[in-house]
């Protein structure tokens, strides 16, 4: 599903990843993190897709909201498990969204 975001400006956190061979518990934790993120102040939406390469884009009102999410203790624990177990590689990019356009039938 494509996230319904407000008019810009706002921010996007793009999390691109490649999983390791050990994915036990990953799907449960990923669902938990999306549910938890949705409860955070400043959260606007999320889009995610996974095949060989996983991409999750979360949308936030401000850089402060992004920082608070990064520092959330349960998110920190999940990130640490990801580094130790679930990912062989990941990259995080933080972008300011300045313009949005699209198409829908």
C-alpha atoms as a PDB file:
ATOM      1  CA  UNK A   1       0.000   0.000   0.000  1.00  0.00           C
ATOM      2  CA  UNK A   2       1.231   3.494  -0.813  1.00  0.00           C
ATOM      3  CA  UNK A   3       1.358   5.746   2.255  1.00  0.00           C
ATOM      4  CA  UNK A   4      -0.989   8.727   2.350  1.00  0.00           C
ATOM      5  CA  UNK A   5       1.309  11.576   3.318  1.00  0.00           C
ATOM      6  CA  UNK A   6       0.556  15.280   3.828  1.00  0.00           C
ATOM      7  CA  UNK A   7       1.742  18.046   1.564  1.00  0.00           C
ATOM      8  CA  UNK A   8       5.517  18.585   1.782  1.00  0.00           C
ATOM      9  CA  UNK A   9       7.839  19.369   3.335  1.00  0.00           C
ATOM     10  CA  UNK A  10       8.369  16.300   5.488  1.00  0.00           C
ATOM     11  CA  UNK A  11      11.098  13.661   5.775  1.00  0.00           C
ATOM     12  CA  UNK A  12      11.667  10.136   4.500  1.00  0.00           C
ATOM     13  CA  UNK A  13      13.910   7.510   6.059  1.00  0.00           C
ATOM     14  CA  UNK A  14      14.915   4.969   3.423  1.00  0.00           C
ATOM     15  CA  UNK A  15      16.122   1.682   4.893  1.00  0.00           C
ATOM     16  CA  UNK A  16      17.641  -0.597   2.250  1.00  0.00           C
ATOM     17  CA  UNK A  17      18.780  -4.051   3.339  1.00  0.00           C
ATOM     18  CA  UNK A  18      20.037  -7.467   2.354  1.00  0.00           C
ATOM     19  CA  UNK A  19      19.155 -10.250   4.767  1.00  0.00           C
ATOM     20  CA  UNK A  20      21.547 -12.822   6.121  1.00  0.00           C
ATOM     21  CA  UNK A  21      20.772 -16.548   6.057  1.00  0.00           C
ATOM     22  CA  UNK A  22      19.374 -16.394   9.628  1.00  0.00           C
ATOM     23  CA  UNK A  23      15.922 -14.826   9.391  1.00  0.00           C
ATOM     24  CA  UNK A  24      14.332 -16.644  12.335  1.00  0.00           C
ATOM     25  CA  UNK A  25      12.138 -14.144  14.177  1.00  0.00           C
ATOM     26  CA  UNK A  26      12.659 -11.399  11.595  1.00  0.00           C
ATOM     27  CA  UNK A  27       9.071 -11.155  10.300  1.00  0.00           C
ATOM     28  CA  UNK A  28       7.658 -10.914  13.827  1.00  0.00           C
ATOM     29  CA  UNK A  29      10.106  -8.167  14.771  1.00  0.00           C
ATOM     30  CA  UNK A  30       9.525  -6.245  11.526  1.00  0.00           C
ATOM     31  CA  UNK A  31       5.756  -6.226  12.151  1.00  0.00           C
ATOM     32  CA  UNK A  32       6.328  -5.145  15.751  1.00  0.00           C
ATOM     33  CA  UNK A  33       8.548  -2.256  14.638  1.00  0.00           C
ATOM     34  CA  UNK A  34       5.975  -1.012  12.118  1.00  0.00           C
ATOM     35  CA  UNK A  35       3.265  -1.119  14.786  1.00  0.00           C
ATOM     36  CA  UNK A  36       5.510   0.688  17.259  1.00  0.00           C
ATOM     37  CA  UNK A  37       6.581   3.319  14.718  1.00  0.00           C
ATOM     38  CA  UNK A  38       2.921   4.084  13.980  1.00  0.00           C
ATOM     39  CA  UNK A  39       2.486   5.051  17.645  1.00  0.00           C
ATOM     40  CA  UNK A  40       5.327   7.597  17.614  1.00  0.00           C
ATOM     41  CA  UNK A  41       4.810  11.352  17.498  1.00  0.00           C
ATOM     42  CA  UNK A  42       5.572  12.666  14.038  1.00  0.00           C
ATOM     43  CA  UNK A  43       5.065   9.375  12.189  1.00  0.00           C
ATOM     44  CA  UNK A  44       3.277   9.872   8.846  1.00  0.00           C
ATOM     45  CA  UNK A  45       3.342   6.493   7.105  1.00  0.00           C
ATOM     46  CA  UNK A  46       5.401   3.591   5.811  1.00  0.00           C
ATOM     47  CA  UNK A  47       5.932   1.597   2.614  1.00  0.00           C
ATOM     48  CA  UNK A  48       7.878  -1.637   2.442  1.00  0.00           C
ATOM     49  CA  UNK A  49       8.864  -4.286  -0.099  1.00  0.00           C
ATOM     50  CA  UNK A  50      11.172  -7.272   0.159  1.00  0.00           C
ATOM     51  CA  UNK A  51      12.569  -9.654  -2.393  1.00  0.00           C
ATOM     52  CA  UNK A  52      16.335 -10.147  -2.555  1.00  0.00           C
ATOM     53  CA  UNK A  53      16.662  -6.483  -1.628  1.00  0.00           C
ATOM     54  CA  UNK A  54      14.427  -5.011   1.065  1.00  0.00           C
ATOM     55  CA  UNK A  55      13.360  -1.376   1.021  1.00  0.00           C
ATOM     56  CA  UNK A  56      11.319   0.275   3.751  1.00  0.00           C
ATOM     57  CA  UNK A  57      10.522   3.968   3.560  1.00  0.00           C
ATOM     58  CA  UNK A  58       9.056   5.627   6.636  1.00  0.00           C
ATOM     59  CA  UNK A  59       7.752   9.193   6.567  1.00  0.00           C
ATOM     60  CA  UNK A  60       8.128  11.674   9.412  1.00  0.00           C
ATOM     61  CA  UNK A  61       7.106  15.241  10.215  1.00  0.00           C
ATOM     62  CA  UNK A  62      10.560  16.329  11.380  1.00  0.00           C
ATOM     63  CA  UNK A  63      14.181  15.386  11.916  1.00  0.00           C
ATOM     64  CA  UNK A  64      13.464  15.446  15.656  1.00  0.00           C
ATOM     65  CA  UNK A  65      10.763  12.776  15.226  1.00  0.00           C
ATOM     66  CA  UNK A  66      13.260  10.633  13.286  1.00  0.00           C
ATOM     67  CA  UNK A  67      15.872  11.058  16.014  1.00  0.00           C
ATOM     68  CA  UNK A  68      13.355  10.114  18.717  1.00  0.00           C
ATOM     69  CA  UNK A  69      12.434   6.965  16.780  1.00  0.00           C
ATOM     70  CA  UNK A  70      16.088   6.036  16.372  1.00  0.00           C
ATOM     71  CA  UNK A  71      16.620   6.418  20.118  1.00  0.00           C
ATOM     72  CA  UNK A  72      13.488   4.464  21.134  1.00  0.00           C
ATOM     73  CA  UNK A  73      14.714   1.566  23.283  1.00  0.00           C
ATOM     74  CA  UNK A  74      12.725  -1.163  21.512  1.00  0.00           C
ATOM     75  CA  UNK A  75      13.849   0.121  18.110  1.00  0.00           C
ATOM     76  CA  UNK A  76      17.446   0.154  19.356  1.00  0.00           C
ATOM     77  CA  UNK A  77      17.115  -3.469  20.518  1.00  0.00           C
ATOM     78  CA  UNK A  78      15.671  -4.500  17.134  1.00  0.00           C
ATOM     79  CA  UNK A  79      18.438  -2.643  15.290  1.00  0.00           C
ATOM     80  CA  UNK A  80      21.074  -4.423  17.375  1.00  0.00           C
ATOM     81  CA  UNK A  81      19.499  -7.825  16.612  1.00  0.00           C
ATOM     82  CA  UNK A  82      19.406  -6.885  12.938  1.00  0.00           C
ATOM     83  CA  UNK A  83      23.118  -6.112  12.904  1.00  0.00           C
ATOM     84  CA  UNK A  84      24.013  -9.246  14.839  1.00  0.00           C
ATOM     85  CA  UNK A  85      21.672 -11.660  13.113  1.00  0.00           C
ATOM     86  CA  UNK A  86      19.232 -10.690  10.354  1.00  0.00           C
ATOM     87  CA  UNK A  87      21.161  -8.436   7.954  1.00  0.00           C
ATOM     88  CA  UNK A  88      24.317  -8.945   5.978  1.00  0.00           C
ATOM     89  CA  UNK A  89      24.142  -5.298   4.875  1.00  0.00           C
ATOM     90  CA  UNK A  90      21.939  -2.244   5.280  1.00  0.00           C
ATOM     91  CA  UNK A  91      21.952   1.462   4.495  1.00  0.00           C
ATOM     92  CA  UNK A  92      19.840   4.258   5.987  1.00  0.00           C
ATOM     93  CA  UNK A  93      19.215   7.449   4.031  1.00  0.00           C
ATOM     94  CA  UNK A  94      17.334  10.446   5.418  1.00  0.00           C
ATOM     95  CA  UNK A  95      15.808  12.792   2.864  1.00  0.00           C
ATOM     96  CA  UNK A  96      13.671  15.901   2.870  1.00  0.00           C
ATOM     97  CA  UNK A  97      10.605  15.484   0.659  1.00  0.00           C
ATOM     98  CA  UNK A  98       9.992  18.730  -1.174  1.00  0.00           C
ATOM     99  CA  UNK A  99       7.560  17.710  -3.904  1.00  0.00           C
ATOM    100  CA  UNK A 100       5.059  14.893  -4.397  1.00  0.00           C
ATOM    101  CA  UNK A 101       3.001  13.874  -7.407  1.00  0.00           C
ATOM    102  CA  UNK A 102       1.402  10.648  -8.520  1.00  0.00           C
ATOM    103  CA  UNK A 103      -1.299   8.791 -10.370  1.00  0.00           C
ATOM    104  CA  UNK A 104      -4.220   6.645  -9.277  1.00  0.00           C
ATOM    105  CA  UNK A 105      -7.041   5.005 -11.270  1.00  0.00           C
END
